[in-house]
Amino acid sequence: MMQKQTQIKARTETDTQNFARQLVDLLKPNDVVLLQGELGSGKTFLVKQICRLLKTQDEASSPSFAIIHQYNGPTPVNHFDFYRLQNEAELDQLGWEELLTMGAITFIEWPELVEKHLSEYYKITIEIKQTDRIFTLFKREKSLSGESS
């Protein structure tokens, strides 16, 4: 079942950094976070802030060309950008699912192809309203019967 956890209005980069700090306190290894928002909405900026707070060895960058980036650190981070993927056959060639259970926190931009394959995850939608970014955090958990709903 998908449940709304919180909604944050960010007017400045500092507001986004504060939201990133809240996420770092919430997230644990093997968590998956889907990031949904239009181009330029701040998905990669949010991941960069989280990597900075988690003290990864390398600064996060937009993974659009590599599709998958991995950042080592005390808490490793996977950053997937599936913007250029056209279908599930391309997705299957990446081996992305194996990376979800290796102790990293995984962020997935453009998650439309993978969302239905995941039973538990967080989802952050980012909407731009005038000069604000509205971050809405959802959590999807398995139901008591073990099935996703």
N, C-alpha and C. Protein backbone atom coordinates (compact mmCIF):
# COMPACT_ATOMS: atom_id res chain seq x y z
N MET A 1 0.84 -1.17 0.00
CA MET A 1 0.00 0.00 0.00
C MET A 1 0.89 1.24 0.00
N MET A 2 0.53 2.22 -0.82
CA MET A 2 1.28 3.47 -0.92
C MET A 2 0.70 4.47 0.06
N GLN A 3 1.59 5.02 0.92
CA GLN A 3 1.13 6.01 1.89
C GLN A 3 1.99 7.25 1.80
N LYS A 4 1.33 8.41 1.84
CA LYS A 4 2.04 9.68 1.84
C LYS A 4 2.68 9.86 3.22
N GLN A 5 3.97 10.16 3.22
CA GLN A 5 4.72 10.35 4.46
C GLN A 5 4.83 11.82 4.85
N THR A 6 5.22 12.64 3.88
CA THR A 6 5.43 14.05 4.17
C THR A 6 5.47 14.84 2.87
N GLN A 7 5.29 16.15 2.99
CA GLN A 7 5.41 17.05 1.85
C GLN A 7 6.20 18.27 2.30
N ILE A 8 7.17 18.65 1.49
CA ILE A 8 8.06 19.77 1.82
C ILE A 8 8.03 20.77 0.67
N LYS A 9 7.91 22.05 1.01
CA LYS A 9 8.02 23.11 0.00
C LYS A 9 9.44 23.68 0.11
N ALA A 10 10.17 23.62 -1.01
CA ALA A 10 11.54 24.12 -1.03
C ALA A 10 11.61 25.32 -1.96
N ARG A 11 11.98 26.45 -1.40
CA ARG A 11 12.11 27.67 -2.20
C ARG A 11 13.58 27.90 -2.58
N THR A 12 14.50 27.40 -1.74
CA THR A 12 15.93 27.64 -1.96
C THR A 12 16.69 26.31 -1.95
N GLU A 13 17.95 26.38 -2.39
CA GLU A 13 18.79 25.19 -2.31
C GLU A 13 18.96 24.72 -0.87
N THR A 14 19.00 25.67 0.06
CA THR A 14 19.12 25.31 1.48
C THR A 14 17.91 24.50 1.93
N ASP A 15 16.72 24.86 1.45
CA ASP A 15 15.52 24.08 1.79
C ASP A 15 15.65 22.64 1.28
N THR A 16 16.18 22.50 0.05
CA THR A 16 16.38 21.17 -0.51
C THR A 16 17.43 20.41 0.29
N GLN A 17 18.48 21.09 0.71
CA GLN A 17 19.50 20.45 1.53
C GLN A 17 18.92 19.98 2.86
N ASN A 18 18.03 20.75 3.44
CA ASN A 18 17.39 20.35 4.69
C ASN A 18 16.51 19.11 4.49
N PHE A 19 15.82 19.03 3.35
CA PHE A 19 15.02 17.85 3.03
C PHE A 19 15.95 16.64 2.86
N ALA A 20 17.09 16.84 2.20
CA ALA A 20 18.07 15.76 2.03
C ALA A 20 18.53 15.24 3.39
N ARG A 21 18.73 16.15 4.34
CA ARG A 21 19.15 15.75 5.69
C ARG A 21 18.07 14.88 6.35
N GLN A 22 16.81 15.24 6.17
CA GLN A 22 15.71 14.42 6.71
C GLN A 22 15.72 13.02 6.09
N LEU A 23 15.99 12.96 4.79
CA LEU A 23 16.01 11.67 4.11
C LEU A 23 17.17 10.80 4.60
N VAL A 24 18.33 11.42 4.81
CA VAL A 24 19.49 10.67 5.31
C VAL A 24 19.17 10.04 6.67
N ASP A 25 18.44 10.77 7.50
CA ASP A 25 18.05 10.23 8.81
C ASP A 25 17.06 9.08 8.67
N LEU A 26 16.28 9.07 7.61
CA LEU A 26 15.22 8.08 7.40
C LEU A 26 15.72 6.82 6.71
N LEU A 27 16.56 6.99 5.70
CA LEU A 27 16.93 5.88 4.82
C LEU A 27 17.99 4.98 5.43
N LYS A 28 17.93 3.71 5.02
CA LYS A 28 18.90 2.72 5.50
C LYS A 28 19.39 1.89 4.32
N PRO A 29 20.48 1.13 4.49
CA PRO A 29 20.98 0.31 3.39
C PRO A 29 19.89 -0.59 2.81
N ASN A 30 19.94 -0.75 1.49
CA ASN A 30 19.00 -1.53 0.68
C ASN A 30 17.66 -0.84 0.46
N ASP A 31 17.47 0.38 0.96
CA ASP A 31 16.27 1.13 0.63
C ASP A 31 16.35 1.59 -0.83
N VAL A 32 15.20 1.66 -1.46
CA VAL A 32 15.09 2.13 -2.84
C VAL A 32 14.20 3.37 -2.84
N VAL A 33 14.66 4.41 -3.54
CA VAL A 33 13.91 5.67 -3.62
C VAL A 33 13.69 6.00 -5.10
N LEU A 34 12.44 6.04 -5.51
CA LEU A 34 12.10 6.44 -6.87
C LEU A 34 11.95 7.95 -6.91
N LEU A 35 12.53 8.58 -7.91
CA LEU A 35 12.46 10.03 -8.05
C LEU A 35 11.69 10.36 -9.32
N GLN A 36 10.59 11.07 -9.15
CA GLN A 36 9.74 11.39 -10.29
C GLN A 36 9.56 12.90 -10.36
N GLY A 37 9.91 13.46 -11.51
CA GLY A 37 9.76 14.89 -11.74
C GLY A 37 10.27 15.20 -13.13
N GLU A 38 9.84 16.32 -13.67
CA GLU A 38 10.24 16.67 -15.03
C GLU A 38 11.73 17.01 -15.09
N LEU A 39 12.26 17.13 -16.30
CA LEU A 39 13.65 17.53 -16.47
C LEU A 39 13.89 18.86 -15.76
N GLY A 40 14.99 18.94 -15.03
CA GLY A 40 15.34 20.17 -14.34
C GLY A 40 14.61 20.41 -13.04
N SER A 41 13.89 19.42 -12.54
CA SER A 41 13.11 19.63 -11.31
C SER A 41 13.94 19.49 -10.04
N GLY A 42 15.15 18.95 -10.15
CA GLY A 42 16.01 18.87 -8.97
C GLY A 42 16.30 17.47 -8.47
N LYS A 43 16.02 16.46 -9.28
CA LYS A 43 16.25 15.07 -8.86
C LYS A 43 17.73 14.82 -8.58
N THR A 44 18.59 15.17 -9.53
CA THR A 44 20.02 14.93 -9.37
C THR A 44 20.59 15.82 -8.27
N PHE A 45 20.13 17.04 -8.15
CA PHE A 45 20.60 17.92 -7.07
C PHE A 45 20.31 17.29 -5.71
N LEU A 46 19.14 16.72 -5.55
CA LEU A 46 18.78 16.07 -4.29
C LEU A 46 19.72 14.91 -4.00
N VAL A 47 19.99 14.09 -5.00
CA VAL A 47 20.91 12.94 -4.81
C VAL A 47 22.31 13.44 -4.46
N LYS A 48 22.76 14.52 -5.12
CA LYS A 48 24.08 15.09 -4.81
C LYS A 48 24.16 15.49 -3.33
N GLN A 49 23.10 16.11 -2.82
CA GLN A 49 23.10 16.54 -1.42
C GLN A 49 23.12 15.34 -0.48
N ILE A 50 22.40 14.31 -0.82
CA ILE A 50 22.37 13.11 0.01
C ILE A 50 23.75 12.45 0.01
N CYS A 51 24.39 12.35 -1.16
CA CYS A 51 25.73 11.78 -1.23
C CYS A 51 26.72 12.59 -0.40
N ARG A 52 26.59 13.91 -0.45
CA ARG A 52 27.47 14.77 0.35
C ARG A 52 27.29 14.49 1.83
N LEU A 53 26.04 14.37 2.26
CA LEU A 53 25.75 14.11 3.67
C LEU A 53 26.20 12.71 4.11
N LEU A 54 26.14 11.76 3.19
CA LEU A 54 26.58 10.39 3.49
C LEU A 54 28.09 10.22 3.32
N LYS A 55 28.76 11.29 2.90
CA LYS A 55 30.21 11.29 2.74
C LYS A 55 30.70 10.22 1.76
N THR A 56 30.03 10.13 0.60
CA THR A 56 30.51 9.22 -0.43
C THR A 56 31.85 9.76 -0.96
N GLN A 57 32.65 8.85 -1.52
CA GLN A 57 34.00 9.23 -1.96
C GLN A 57 33.97 10.16 -3.16
N ASP A 58 32.99 10.00 -4.03
CA ASP A 58 32.87 10.86 -5.21
C ASP A 58 31.58 11.65 -5.13
N GLU A 59 31.60 12.83 -5.74
CA GLU A 59 30.38 13.64 -5.80
C GLU A 59 29.45 13.05 -6.85
N ALA A 60 28.18 13.01 -6.54
CA ALA A 60 27.20 12.50 -7.50
C ALA A 60 27.11 13.43 -8.69
N SER A 61 26.89 12.83 -9.85
CA SER A 61 26.68 13.61 -11.06
C SER A 61 25.48 13.02 -11.78
N SER A 62 25.02 13.70 -12.79
CA SER A 62 23.87 13.19 -13.53
C SER A 62 24.29 11.93 -14.26
N PRO A 63 23.60 10.82 -14.00
CA PRO A 63 24.02 9.56 -14.61
C PRO A 63 23.41 9.32 -15.99
N SER A 64 22.88 10.35 -16.63
CA SER A 64 22.15 10.16 -17.89
C SER A 64 22.94 9.38 -18.93
N PHE A 65 24.24 9.56 -18.99
CA PHE A 65 25.01 8.88 -20.02
C PHE A 65 25.45 7.49 -19.57
N ALA A 66 25.78 7.32 -18.31
CA ALA A 66 26.23 6.02 -17.82
C ALA A 66 25.06 5.15 -17.39
N ILE A 67 23.91 5.71 -17.16
CA ILE A 67 22.69 5.07 -16.68
C ILE A 67 22.80 4.65 -15.22
N ILE A 68 23.89 3.99 -14.84
CA ILE A 68 24.06 3.56 -13.45
C ILE A 68 25.38 4.10 -12.91
N HIS A 69 25.31 4.79 -11.79
CA HIS A 69 26.50 5.24 -11.07
C HIS A 69 26.44 4.62 -9.68
N GLN A 70 27.62 4.25 -9.18
CA GLN A 70 27.73 3.74 -7.82
C GLN A 70 28.75 4.60 -7.09
N TYR A 71 28.39 5.02 -5.88
CA TYR A 71 29.25 5.87 -5.07
C TYR A 71 29.57 5.13 -3.78
N ASN A 72 30.86 4.89 -3.54
CA ASN A 72 31.28 4.20 -2.33
C ASN A 72 31.39 5.17 -1.17
N GLY A 73 31.22 4.66 0.02
CA GLY A 73 31.34 5.45 1.23
C GLY A 73 30.85 4.62 2.40
N PRO A 74 30.79 5.22 3.59
CA PRO A 74 30.29 4.49 4.76
C PRO A 74 28.91 3.87 4.49
N THR A 75 28.05 4.62 3.82
CA THR A 75 26.79 4.09 3.29
C THR A 75 26.84 4.32 1.78
N PRO A 76 27.05 3.26 0.99
CA PRO A 76 27.14 3.44 -0.46
C PRO A 76 25.80 3.88 -1.06
N VAL A 77 25.89 4.50 -2.23
CA VAL A 77 24.71 5.00 -2.95
C VAL A 77 24.76 4.52 -4.39
N ASN A 78 23.64 3.97 -4.87
CA ASN A 78 23.45 3.70 -6.29
C ASN A 78 22.56 4.81 -6.84
N HIS A 79 22.87 5.27 -8.04
CA HIS A 79 22.08 6.33 -8.68
C HIS A 79 21.81 5.89 -10.11
N PHE A 80 20.57 5.52 -10.39
CA PHE A 80 20.17 5.06 -11.72
C PHE A 80 19.37 6.16 -12.40
N ASP A 81 19.63 6.35 -13.69
CA ASP A 81 18.84 7.29 -14.49
C ASP A 81 18.36 6.54 -15.71
N PHE A 82 17.08 6.20 -15.72
CA PHE A 82 16.51 5.38 -16.79
C PHE A 82 15.81 6.21 -17.86
N TYR A 83 16.17 7.49 -17.96
CA TYR A 83 15.53 8.41 -18.90
C TYR A 83 15.59 7.90 -20.34
N ARG A 84 16.73 7.36 -20.74
CA ARG A 84 16.92 6.97 -22.14
C ARG A 84 16.41 5.57 -22.45
N LEU A 85 15.98 4.81 -21.45
CA LEU A 85 15.52 3.45 -21.71
C LEU A 85 14.15 3.48 -22.36
N GLN A 86 13.99 2.67 -23.39
CA GLN A 86 12.74 2.66 -24.16
C GLN A 86 11.81 1.54 -23.73
N ASN A 87 12.36 0.42 -23.23
CA ASN A 87 11.52 -0.74 -22.93
C ASN A 87 12.18 -1.64 -21.88
N GLU A 88 11.44 -2.63 -21.45
CA GLU A 88 11.93 -3.51 -20.40
C GLU A 88 13.07 -4.40 -20.87
N ALA A 89 13.18 -4.68 -22.16
CA ALA A 89 14.30 -5.48 -22.67
C ALA A 89 15.62 -4.76 -22.40
N GLU A 90 15.64 -3.43 -22.61
CA GLU A 90 16.85 -2.65 -22.31
C GLU A 90 17.13 -2.67 -20.82
N LEU A 91 16.09 -2.59 -20.03
CA LEU A 91 16.21 -2.60 -18.58
C LEU A 91 16.82 -3.93 -18.11
N ASP A 92 16.35 -5.02 -18.66
CA ASP A 92 16.80 -6.35 -18.25
C ASP A 92 18.29 -6.55 -18.51
N GLN A 93 18.86 -5.87 -19.48
CA GLN A 93 20.28 -6.03 -19.82
C GLN A 93 21.20 -5.36 -18.80
N LEU A 94 20.67 -4.52 -17.93
CA LEU A 94 21.51 -3.73 -17.02
C LEU A 94 21.92 -4.46 -15.75
N GLY A 95 21.18 -5.46 -15.32
CA GLY A 95 21.48 -6.13 -14.05
C GLY A 95 21.19 -5.25 -12.84
N TRP A 96 20.28 -4.32 -12.99
CA TRP A 96 19.99 -3.34 -11.94
C TRP A 96 19.44 -3.99 -10.67
N GLU A 97 18.66 -5.05 -10.80
CA GLU A 97 18.01 -5.64 -9.63
C GLU A 97 19.02 -6.20 -8.64
N GLU A 98 20.12 -6.74 -9.14
CA GLU A 98 21.15 -7.30 -8.26
C GLU A 98 21.74 -6.23 -7.36
N LEU A 99 21.82 -5.00 -7.84
CA LEU A 99 22.43 -3.92 -7.07
C LEU A 99 21.56 -3.45 -5.89
N LEU A 100 20.28 -3.82 -5.89
CA LEU A 100 19.36 -3.33 -4.87
C LEU A 100 19.58 -3.99 -3.51
N THR A 101 20.25 -5.12 -3.46
CA THR A 101 20.40 -5.86 -2.21
C THR A 101 21.86 -5.96 -1.77
N MET A 102 22.68 -5.02 -2.21
CA MET A 102 24.10 -5.07 -1.88
C MET A 102 24.50 -4.03 -0.84
N GLY A 103 23.53 -3.54 -0.06
CA GLY A 103 23.84 -2.66 1.06
C GLY A 103 23.87 -1.18 0.76
N ALA A 104 23.54 -0.78 -0.46
CA ALA A 104 23.52 0.64 -0.81
C ALA A 104 22.09 1.18 -0.72
N ILE A 105 21.99 2.50 -0.62
CA ILE A 105 20.70 3.17 -0.82
C ILE A 105 20.64 3.48 -2.32
N THR A 106 19.54 3.11 -2.96
CA THR A 106 19.43 3.26 -4.40
C THR A 106 18.40 4.32 -4.77
N PHE A 107 18.81 5.26 -5.61
CA PHE A 107 17.93 6.29 -6.14
C PHE A 107 17.72 6.02 -7.63
N ILE A 108 16.45 6.03 -8.07
CA ILE A 108 16.13 5.74 -9.45
C ILE A 108 15.35 6.90 -10.06
N GLU A 109 16.00 7.60 -11.01
CA GLU A 109 15.32 8.65 -11.75
C GLU A 109 14.61 8.02 -12.95
N TRP A 110 13.45 8.55 -13.32
CA TRP A 110 12.64 8.04 -14.41
C TRP A 110 12.30 6.56 -14.16
N PRO A 111 11.59 6.27 -13.07
CA PRO A 111 11.38 4.88 -12.63
C PRO A 111 10.19 4.16 -13.27
N GLU A 112 9.59 4.73 -14.28
CA GLU A 112 8.34 4.17 -14.81
C GLU A 112 8.45 2.69 -15.20
N LEU A 113 9.58 2.28 -15.77
CA LEU A 113 9.73 0.89 -16.20
C LEU A 113 9.94 -0.08 -15.04
N VAL A 114 10.46 0.41 -13.92
CA VAL A 114 10.81 -0.51 -12.83
C VAL A 114 9.82 -0.54 -11.67
N GLU A 115 9.01 0.48 -11.55
CA GLU A 115 8.16 0.61 -10.36
C GLU A 115 7.31 -0.64 -10.13
N LYS A 116 6.76 -1.20 -11.18
CA LYS A 116 5.88 -2.36 -11.01
C LYS A 116 6.64 -3.62 -10.58
N HIS A 117 7.96 -3.60 -10.68
CA HIS A 117 8.77 -4.76 -10.29
C HIS A 117 9.21 -4.69 -8.83
N LEU A 118 8.91 -3.60 -8.15
CA LEU A 118 9.37 -3.40 -6.78
C LEU A 118 8.20 -3.55 -5.81
N SER A 119 8.44 -4.24 -4.70
CA SER A 119 7.36 -4.42 -3.73
C SER A 119 7.43 -3.40 -2.59
N GLU A 120 8.63 -2.94 -2.27
CA GLU A 120 8.79 -1.95 -1.19
C GLU A 120 9.74 -0.86 -1.67
N TYR A 121 9.34 0.39 -1.49
CA TYR A 121 10.20 1.50 -1.88
C TYR A 121 9.62 2.81 -1.35
N TYR A 122 10.46 3.83 -1.39
CA TYR A 122 10.02 5.20 -1.19
C TYR A 122 9.88 5.82 -2.57
N LYS A 123 9.01 6.79 -2.67
CA LYS A 123 8.85 7.53 -3.93
C LYS A 123 8.78 9.00 -3.60
N ILE A 124 9.57 9.78 -4.30
CA ILE A 124 9.55 11.23 -4.12
C ILE A 124 9.10 11.84 -5.44
N THR A 125 7.98 12.55 -5.40
CA THR A 125 7.55 13.31 -6.57
C THR A 125 7.99 14.76 -6.37
N ILE A 126 8.44 15.38 -7.44
CA ILE A 126 8.90 16.77 -7.39
C ILE A 126 8.08 17.57 -8.39
N GLU A 127 7.37 18.55 -7.87
CA GLU A 127 6.57 19.44 -8.73
C GLU A 127 7.13 20.85 -8.60
N ILE A 128 7.17 21.56 -9.70
CA ILE A 128 7.59 22.97 -9.68
C ILE A 128 6.34 23.82 -9.73
N LYS A 129 6.18 24.67 -8.70
CA LYS A 129 5.05 25.62 -8.63
C LYS A 129 5.64 27.01 -8.43
N GLN A 130 5.57 27.82 -9.46
CA GLN A 130 6.19 29.14 -9.50
C GLN A 130 7.68 29.00 -9.12
N THR A 131 8.08 29.56 -7.97
CA THR A 131 9.49 29.50 -7.58
C THR A 131 9.77 28.39 -6.57
N ASP A 132 8.78 27.58 -6.28
CA ASP A 132 8.94 26.52 -5.28
C ASP A 132 9.04 25.15 -5.94
N ARG A 133 9.72 24.27 -5.24
CA ARG A 133 9.68 22.85 -5.58
C ARG A 133 8.92 22.16 -4.45
N ILE A 134 7.95 21.36 -4.82
CA ILE A 134 7.16 20.62 -3.84
C ILE A 134 7.63 19.17 -3.87
N PHE A 135 8.29 18.73 -2.79
CA PHE A 135 8.74 17.35 -2.66
C PHE A 135 7.69 16.60 -1.85
N THR A 136 7.14 15.54 -2.41
CA THR A 136 6.19 14.70 -1.68
C THR A 136 6.79 13.31 -1.56
N LEU A 137 6.89 12.84 -0.32
CA LEU A 137 7.48 11.53 -0.04
C LEU A 137 6.38 10.53 0.25
N PHE A 138 6.42 9.43 -0.49
CA PHE A 138 5.50 8.31 -0.29
C PHE A 138 6.30 7.09 0.11
N LYS A 139 5.63 6.14 0.74
CA LYS A 139 6.27 4.87 1.05
C LYS A 139 5.32 3.76 0.65
N ARG A 140 5.86 2.78 -0.08
CA ARG A 140 5.08 1.61 -0.44
C ARG A 140 5.67 0.42 0.30
N GLU A 141 4.81 -0.26 1.05
CA GLU A 141 5.23 -1.42 1.83
C GLU A 141 4.43 -2.64 1.42
N LYS A 142 4.99 -3.79 1.67
CA LYS A 142 4.23 -5.02 1.45
C LYS A 142 3.05 -5.03 2.42
N SER A 143 1.94 -5.57 1.99
CA SER A 143 0.81 -5.71 2.90
C SER A 143 1.08 -6.88 3.83
N LEU A 144 0.23 -7.06 4.83
CA LEU A 144 0.41 -8.11 5.81
C LEU A 144 0.43 -9.50 5.17
N SER A 145 -0.23 -9.67 4.06
CA SER A 145 -0.27 -10.97 3.40
C SER A 145 1.01 -11.23 2.60
N GLY A 146 1.91 -10.23 2.59
CA GLY A 146 3.15 -10.38 1.85
C GLY A 146 3.05 -9.91 0.42
N GLU A 147 1.88 -9.56 -0.02
CA GLU A 147 1.67 -9.07 -1.38
C GLU A 147 1.72 -7.55 -1.38
N SER A 148 2.18 -6.97 -2.47
CA SER A 148 2.11 -5.52 -2.61
C SER A 148 0.70 -5.15 -2.99
N SER A 149 0.27 -4.02 -2.49
CA SER A 149 -1.09 -3.59 -2.86
C SER A 149 -1.04 -2.24 -3.52
